[in-house]
N, C-alpha and C. Protein backbone atom coordinates (compact mmCIF):
# COMPACT_ATOMS: atom_id res chain seq x y z
N MET A 1 14.32 17.80 11.49
CA MET A 1 13.91 19.00 11.77
C MET A 1 15.63 20.02 11.69
N CYS A 2 15.60 21.16 10.96
CA CYS A 2 16.61 21.95 10.88
C CYS A 2 16.74 22.61 11.95
N LYS A 3 18.05 22.54 12.69
CA LYS A 3 18.52 23.16 13.68
C LYS A 3 19.41 24.34 13.06
N GLU A 4 19.39 25.41 14.08
CA GLU A 4 20.17 26.52 14.01
C GLU A 4 21.70 26.42 14.02
N ASP A 5 21.95 25.35 14.69
CA ASP A 5 23.48 25.06 14.92
C ASP A 5 23.90 24.15 14.06
N THR A 6 23.43 23.67 13.01
CA THR A 6 24.08 22.67 12.29
C THR A 6 24.77 23.25 10.87
N ILE A 7 25.81 22.43 10.38
CA ILE A 7 26.37 23.17 9.28
C ILE A 7 25.51 22.16 7.81
N LEU A 8 25.17 21.44 8.52
CA LEU A 8 24.45 20.33 6.98
C LEU A 8 23.43 21.08 6.65
N CYS A 9 22.65 21.96 7.16
CA CYS A 9 21.33 22.60 6.69
C CYS A 9 21.46 24.43 6.43
N CYS A 10 20.38 24.68 6.58
CA CYS A 10 20.35 26.33 6.07
C CYS A 10 20.71 26.81 7.34
N ALA A 11 21.47 26.31 8.44
CA ALA A 11 21.59 27.15 9.90
C ALA A 11 20.32 27.76 10.23
N GLY A 12 19.15 27.27 10.01
CA GLY A 12 17.82 28.23 10.53
C GLY A 12 17.68 29.55 9.51
N HIS A 13 18.28 29.87 8.97
CA HIS A 13 18.02 30.82 7.82
C HIS A 13 16.82 30.93 7.06
N CYS A 14 16.39 29.98 6.64
CA CYS A 14 15.05 29.64 5.89
C CYS A 14 14.21 29.25 6.55
N LEU A 15 13.85 29.28 7.98
CA LEU A 15 13.04 28.81 8.73
C LEU A 15 12.14 30.11 9.21
N THR A 16 11.01 30.02 9.14
CA THR A 16 10.03 30.96 9.61
C THR A 16 9.77 31.02 11.02
N ALA A 17 9.41 31.88 11.48
CA ALA A 17 9.11 32.32 13.22
C ALA A 17 8.54 31.31 13.58
N LYS A 18 7.64 30.86 13.05
CA LYS A 18 6.86 29.57 13.62
C LYS A 18 7.24 28.16 13.35
N GLN A 19 8.18 27.97 12.39
CA GLN A 19 9.19 26.94 12.51
C GLN A 19 10.13 26.76 13.44
N LYS A 20 10.95 28.08 13.75
CA LYS A 20 11.96 28.22 14.85
C LYS A 20 11.14 27.54 16.27
N ALA A 21 9.88 28.00 16.29
CA ALA A 21 9.34 27.78 17.65
C ALA A 21 8.44 26.03 17.77
N TYR A 22 9.08 25.39 16.79
CA TYR A 22 8.53 24.04 16.49
C TYR A 22 8.03 23.13 18.06
N PRO A 23 9.09 23.18 18.84
CA PRO A 23 8.56 22.41 20.01
C PRO A 23 7.40 22.76 20.74
N PHE A 24 6.84 24.17 20.63
CA PHE A 24 6.02 24.77 21.24
C PHE A 24 4.74 24.90 19.91
N ARG A 25 4.89 23.97 18.72
CA ARG A 25 3.95 24.14 17.88
C ARG A 25 3.59 25.50 17.36
N GLY A 26 4.54 26.40 17.86
CA GLY A 26 4.14 27.91 17.06
C GLY A 26 3.24 28.72 17.88
N VAL A 27 3.15 28.17 19.18
CA VAL A 27 2.09 29.15 19.89
C VAL A 27 2.53 30.58 19.95
N GLU A 28 1.74 31.55 19.56
CA GLU A 28 2.11 32.97 19.27
C GLU A 28 2.28 33.29 20.90
N SER A 29 1.98 33.11 21.94
CA SER A 29 2.31 33.55 23.37
C SER A 29 3.56 33.15 23.77
N ASP A 30 4.06 31.83 23.15
CA ASP A 30 5.68 31.22 23.60
C ASP A 30 6.50 32.36 23.08
N ILE A 31 6.52 32.58 21.53
CA ILE A 31 7.75 33.54 20.88
C ILE A 31 7.32 34.93 20.98
N GLY A 32 6.25 35.34 21.21
CA GLY A 32 5.86 36.69 21.12
C GLY A 32 4.96 37.15 19.93
N ALA A 33 4.00 37.74 20.16
CA ALA A 33 3.19 38.05 18.85
C ALA A 33 3.63 39.03 17.92
N THR A 34 4.43 39.50 18.44
CA THR A 34 4.98 40.53 17.26
C THR A 34 6.04 40.00 16.32
N GLU A 35 6.60 39.00 16.88
CA GLU A 35 7.38 38.05 16.01
C GLU A 35 6.92 37.19 14.80
N ILE A 36 5.57 37.03 14.88
CA ILE A 36 5.11 36.17 13.61
C ILE A 36 3.75 37.12 13.17
N LYS A 37 4.14 37.25 11.57
CA LYS A 37 3.52 38.05 10.99
C LYS A 37 2.49 37.01 10.35
N ASP A 38 1.31 37.81 9.61
CA ASP A 38 0.04 37.01 9.34
C ASP A 38 0.59 36.19 8.09
N ASP A 39 1.23 36.48 7.21
CA ASP A 39 1.85 35.61 5.98
C ASP A 39 2.95 34.47 6.62
N GLU A 40 3.66 34.59 7.85
CA GLU A 40 4.31 33.45 8.56
C GLU A 40 3.42 32.61 9.54
N LYS A 41 2.50 33.00 9.67
CA LYS A 41 1.97 31.96 10.71
C LYS A 41 1.61 30.65 10.15
N TYR A 42 1.55 30.41 8.98
CA TYR A 42 1.46 29.07 8.22
C TYR A 42 2.46 28.83 7.21
N THR A 43 3.15 27.66 7.71
CA THR A 43 4.54 27.18 6.72
C THR A 43 3.98 27.10 5.38
N THR A 44 2.93 26.54 5.14
CA THR A 44 2.56 26.50 3.18
C THR A 44 1.10 26.65 3.36
N LYS A 45 0.63 26.67 2.34
CA LYS A 45 -0.97 26.84 1.84
C LYS A 45 -1.64 25.75 2.19
N THR A 46 -0.82 24.56 2.31
CA THR A 46 -1.38 23.10 2.54
C THR A 46 -1.94 23.17 4.09
N GLN A 47 -0.87 23.83 4.91
CA GLN A 47 -0.93 23.58 6.29
C GLN A 47 -2.20 24.78 6.60
N LYS A 48 -1.97 25.68 6.08
CA LYS A 48 -3.33 26.48 6.29
C LYS A 48 -4.52 26.09 5.94
N CYS A 49 -4.76 25.31 4.96
CA CYS A 49 -6.23 24.88 4.62
C CYS A 49 -6.32 23.65 5.31
N LEU A 50 -5.40 22.97 5.94
CA LEU A 50 -5.75 21.59 6.77
C LEU A 50 -6.06 22.57 8.32
N GLU A 51 -5.28 23.39 8.49
CA GLU A 51 -5.82 23.96 10.27
C GLU A 51 -7.15 25.02 10.07
N VAL A 52 -7.19 25.84 9.09
CA VAL A 52 -8.46 26.50 8.93
C VAL A 52 -9.62 25.87 8.63
N HIS A 53 -9.66 24.88 7.43
CA HIS A 53 -10.73 24.32 6.87
C HIS A 53 -10.95 22.92 7.43
N LEU A 54 -10.09 21.90 7.07
CA LEU A 54 -10.52 20.45 7.26
C LEU A 54 -10.33 20.23 8.85
N ALA A 55 -9.63 20.39 9.43
CA ALA A 55 -9.48 20.50 10.82
C ALA A 55 -10.81 20.61 11.52
N GLY A 56 -11.30 21.69 11.31
CA GLY A 56 -12.65 21.89 12.05
C GLY A 56 -13.89 20.81 11.92
N MET A 57 -13.70 20.58 10.37
CA MET A 57 -14.86 19.65 9.92
C MET A 57 -14.49 18.13 10.56
N THR A 58 -13.25 17.74 10.46
CA THR A 58 -13.20 16.16 10.65
C THR A 58 -13.01 16.08 12.13
N LEU A 59 -12.68 17.18 13.35
CA LEU A 59 -12.36 16.70 14.46
C LEU A 59 -13.96 17.09 15.36
N SER A 60 -15.26 17.43 14.62
CA SER A 60 -16.08 17.83 14.86
C SER A 60 -17.03 16.15 15.15
N SER A 61 -17.77 16.47 15.92
CA SER A 61 -18.68 15.15 16.14
C SER A 61 -19.36 14.35 14.98
N ALA A 62 -19.88 15.50 14.12
CA ALA A 62 -20.44 14.77 12.53
C ALA A 62 -19.29 14.38 11.78
N GLY A 63 -18.18 15.18 11.65
CA GLY A 63 -17.15 14.55 11.06
C GLY A 63 -16.59 13.30 11.35
N ILE A 64 -16.59 12.92 12.53
CA ILE A 64 -16.04 12.02 13.13
C ILE A 64 -16.72 10.77 12.78
N ILE A 65 -18.44 10.96 12.89
CA ILE A 65 -19.07 9.76 12.66
C ILE A 65 -19.10 9.60 11.31
N ILE A 66 -18.94 10.58 10.41
CA ILE A 66 -19.17 10.68 9.05
C ILE A 66 -17.84 9.86 8.44
N ILE A 67 -16.83 9.67 8.77
CA ILE A 67 -15.10 9.22 8.67
C ILE A 67 -15.47 7.86 9.14
N CYS A 68 -16.12 7.27 10.32
CA CYS A 68 -16.14 6.32 10.95
C CYS A 68 -16.97 5.45 9.85
N ALA A 69 -18.38 5.88 9.63
CA ALA A 69 -19.23 5.57 8.66
C ALA A 69 -18.58 4.92 7.20
N ILE A 70 -17.88 5.74 6.82
CA ILE A 70 -17.20 5.58 5.45
C ILE A 70 -16.09 4.46 5.59
N TRP A 71 -15.43 4.59 6.65
CA TRP A 71 -14.27 3.10 6.78
C TRP A 71 -14.93 1.86 7.02
N THR A 72 -16.39 1.92 7.78
CA THR A 72 -17.12 0.77 7.89
C THR A 72 -17.66 0.49 6.54
N ILE A 73 -18.01 1.13 5.90
CA ILE A 73 -18.44 0.69 4.54
C ILE A 73 -17.66 0.16 3.64
N ALA A 74 -16.40 0.93 3.67
CA ALA A 74 -15.32 0.38 2.70
C ALA A 74 -14.78 -0.96 3.41
N ILE A 75 -14.71 -1.24 4.52
CA ILE A 75 -14.23 -2.54 5.13
C ILE A 75 -15.27 -3.83 4.90
N GLY A 76 -16.58 -3.14 4.89
CA GLY A 76 -17.67 -4.26 4.50
C GLY A 76 -17.58 -4.85 3.39
N ILE A 77 -17.50 -3.56 2.30
CA ILE A 77 -17.25 -3.84 0.90
C ILE A 77 -16.17 -4.82 0.50
N SER A 78 -15.12 -4.51 1.17
CA SER A 78 -13.97 -5.24 0.96
C SER A 78 -13.94 -6.76 0.98
N CYS A 79 -14.46 -6.96 2.65
CA CYS A 79 -14.75 -8.02 2.90
C CYS A 79 -15.66 -8.90 2.30
N TYR A 80 -16.56 -8.27 1.55
CA TYR A 80 -17.76 -8.89 0.81
C TYR A 80 -16.92 -9.09 -0.74
N LEU A 81 -16.16 -8.30 -1.33
CA LEU A 81 -15.49 -8.65 -2.61
C LEU A 81 -14.33 -9.64 -2.15
N VAL A 82 -13.76 -9.72 -1.32
CA VAL A 82 -12.69 -10.64 -0.87
C VAL A 82 -13.51 -12.34 -1.11
N THR A 83 -14.70 -12.45 -0.84
CA THR A 83 -15.44 -13.77 -0.67
C THR A 83 -15.55 -14.01 -1.90
N GLN A 84 -15.85 -12.85 -3.12
CA GLN A 84 -16.28 -13.09 -4.61
C GLN A 84 -15.15 -13.75 -5.28
N VAL A 85 -13.77 -13.52 -4.63
CA VAL A 85 -12.68 -13.54 -5.86
C VAL A 85 -12.35 -15.28 -6.10
N GLU A 86 -12.48 -15.43 -7.40
CA GLU A 86 -12.18 -16.84 -7.90
C GLU A 86 -10.64 -16.91 -8.17
N VAL A 87 -10.02 -18.19 -7.83
CA VAL A 87 -8.65 -18.45 -8.04
C VAL A 87 -8.91 -19.16 -9.40
N ASP A 88 -8.27 -18.87 -10.46
CA ASP A 88 -8.23 -19.75 -11.69
C ASP A 88 -6.79 -19.56 -12.31
N PHE A 89 -5.84 -20.49 -11.78
CA PHE A 89 -4.32 -20.03 -11.89
C PHE A 89 -3.63 -21.21 -12.85
N LYS A 90 -3.31 -20.94 -13.87
CA LYS A 90 -2.76 -21.82 -14.87
C LYS A 90 -1.40 -21.30 -15.21
N THR A 91 -0.20 -22.27 -15.16
CA THR A 91 1.01 -22.04 -15.66
C THR A 91 1.17 -21.36 -17.19
N SER A 92 0.15 -21.77 -17.65
CA SER A 92 -0.15 -21.45 -19.39
C SER A 92 0.01 -19.88 -19.49
N TYR A 93 -0.66 -19.30 -18.56
CA TYR A 93 -0.88 -17.89 -18.34
C TYR A 93 0.44 -17.16 -18.79
N PHE A 94 1.48 -17.73 -18.18
CA PHE A 94 2.95 -17.10 -18.42
C PHE A 94 3.70 -17.38 -19.24
N ILE A 95 3.28 -18.39 -20.24
CA ILE A 95 3.99 -18.51 -21.57
C ILE A 95 3.55 -17.82 -22.86
N SER A 96 4.27 -17.31 -23.40
CA SER A 96 3.78 -16.54 -24.80
C SER A 96 3.48 -17.87 -25.62
N PRO A 97 2.13 -17.30 -26.54
CA PRO A 97 1.69 -18.32 -27.15
C PRO A 97 2.60 -18.68 -28.40
N GLU A 98 3.85 -17.89 -28.72
CA GLU A 98 4.49 -18.41 -29.93
C GLU A 98 5.70 -19.27 -29.39
N ALA A 99 5.64 -19.36 -27.99
CA ALA A 99 6.62 -20.37 -27.37
C ALA A 99 6.18 -21.74 -27.76
N TYR A 100 7.32 -22.83 -28.24
CA TYR A 100 7.12 -23.83 -28.58
C TYR A 100 6.52 -25.01 -27.29
N VAL A 101 6.83 -24.93 -26.22
CA VAL A 101 6.04 -25.17 -24.94
C VAL A 101 4.42 -25.08 -25.03
N SER A 102 4.33 -23.97 -25.80
CA SER A 102 2.82 -23.57 -25.69
C SER A 102 2.06 -24.52 -26.52
N ASN A 103 2.71 -25.00 -27.60
CA ASN A 103 1.86 -25.96 -28.75
C ASN A 103 1.76 -27.35 -27.65
N TYR A 104 2.77 -27.42 -27.06
CA TYR A 104 2.79 -28.78 -26.16
C TYR A 104 1.51 -28.87 -25.02
N LEU A 105 1.54 -27.51 -24.24
CA LEU A 105 0.39 -27.80 -23.47
C LEU A 105 -0.88 -27.63 -23.96
N SER A 106 -1.07 -26.90 -24.95
CA SER A 106 -2.36 -26.84 -25.75
C SER A 106 -2.96 -28.21 -26.28
N ARG A 107 -1.96 -28.97 -26.95
CA ARG A 107 -2.23 -30.52 -27.17
C ARG A 107 -2.48 -31.58 -25.96
N GLN A 108 -1.84 -30.99 -24.93
CA GLN A 108 -2.11 -32.02 -23.92
C GLN A 108 -3.21 -31.43 -23.08
N ASP A 109 -3.77 -30.53 -23.39
CA ASP A 109 -5.11 -30.18 -22.82
C ASP A 109 -6.05 -30.67 -23.70
N GLU A 110 -5.97 -30.65 -25.14
CA GLU A 110 -6.88 -31.00 -25.65
C GLU A 110 -7.07 -32.64 -25.88
N TYR A 111 -6.05 -33.54 -25.75
CA TYR A 111 -6.04 -34.80 -25.95
C TYR A 111 -6.14 -35.50 -24.55
N PHE A 112 -5.51 -35.10 -23.30
CA PHE A 112 -5.28 -35.79 -22.38
C PHE A 112 -5.84 -34.85 -20.96
N LYS A 113 -6.73 -34.21 -21.37
CA LYS A 113 -7.67 -33.53 -20.20
C LYS A 113 -8.53 -34.51 -19.52
N SER A 114 -8.97 -35.44 -20.53
CA SER A 114 -10.12 -35.93 -19.59
C SER A 114 -9.75 -37.30 -18.41
N GLY A 115 -10.33 -37.50 -17.44
CA GLY A 115 -9.75 -38.39 -16.49
C GLY A 115 -9.44 -37.65 -15.35
N ASP A 116 -8.88 -38.71 -14.10
CA ASP A 116 -8.04 -37.97 -13.01
C ASP A 116 -6.68 -38.10 -13.12
N VAL A 117 -6.00 -37.39 -12.47
CA VAL A 117 -4.57 -37.48 -12.40
C VAL A 117 -4.56 -38.33 -11.17
N VAL A 118 -3.43 -39.37 -11.27
CA VAL A 118 -3.12 -40.37 -10.25
C VAL A 118 -1.66 -40.13 -10.19
N THR A 119 -1.03 -40.32 -8.86
CA THR A 119 0.41 -40.16 -8.67
C THR A 119 0.57 -41.71 -7.88
N PHE A 120 1.54 -42.47 -8.50
CA PHE A 120 1.89 -43.73 -7.48
C PHE A 120 3.30 -43.40 -6.95
N TYR A 121 3.46 -44.09 -5.68
CA TYR A 121 4.69 -43.91 -5.20
C TYR A 121 5.11 -45.51 -4.80
N THR A 122 6.23 -45.79 -4.95
CA THR A 122 6.45 -46.99 -4.62
C THR A 122 7.82 -47.04 -3.80
N ASP A 123 8.04 -48.06 -2.96
CA ASP A 123 8.98 -48.01 -2.02
C ASP A 123 9.84 -49.39 -2.21
N ASN A 124 10.17 -49.97 -3.52
CA ASN A 124 10.88 -51.11 -3.94
C ASN A 124 12.12 -50.78 -4.86
N ASP A 125 13.05 -51.00 -4.11
CA ASP A 125 14.47 -50.72 -4.48
C ASP A 125 15.14 -51.78 -5.19
N SER A 126 14.31 -52.85 -5.13
CA SER A 126 14.86 -54.35 -6.05
C SER A 126 14.44 -54.15 -7.85
N VAL A 127 13.70 -53.14 -7.73
CA VAL A 127 13.04 -53.25 -9.07
C VAL A 127 13.22 -51.42 -9.80
N ASP A 128 13.96 -51.74 -10.89
CA ASP A 128 14.10 -50.71 -11.82
C ASP A 128 13.27 -50.13 -12.43
N TYR A 129 12.28 -49.34 -12.42
CA TYR A 129 11.11 -48.58 -12.95
C TYR A 129 11.39 -47.97 -14.41
N THR A 130 12.93 -47.52 -14.32
CA THR A 130 12.97 -46.89 -15.71
C THR A 130 13.57 -47.83 -16.88
N THR A 131 13.43 -48.88 -16.62
CA THR A 131 13.90 -49.81 -17.59
C THR A 131 12.68 -50.19 -18.52
N ILE A 132 12.72 -50.55 -20.07
CA ILE A 132 11.55 -50.87 -20.93
C ILE A 132 10.97 -52.37 -20.06
N GLU A 133 11.61 -53.29 -19.85
CA GLU A 133 11.22 -54.28 -19.50
C GLU A 133 10.23 -54.28 -18.10
N SER A 134 10.54 -53.01 -17.19
CA SER A 134 9.54 -52.92 -16.19
C SER A 134 8.32 -52.14 -16.51
């Protein structure tokens, strides 16, 4: 908020009467009804639209019920759609088709896709499994 005693901002010269009465939210009786003109009552047209039109509709009982119903429907649809997501992740999705490794992956899928992948773990330090004889 712009303060009138600061040198970093406009020092309050650009503030309307309503903005100067910010702690009181611009209640006309707090700063005098003669100080606020009709064109200064709202800082922007957005503020005027929100206060005059939208606030009355959203704060009414029907408005609250409609907003809660819309949010409930949106959450329900979102929960349902989350259960329908299929995870299909392959590292090949991130590799360009022109890359050399793409040929390798396509041939690996073509010739070695059948069967199950089995991983063996050994705990024998006396045998060197990296030699041809092993």
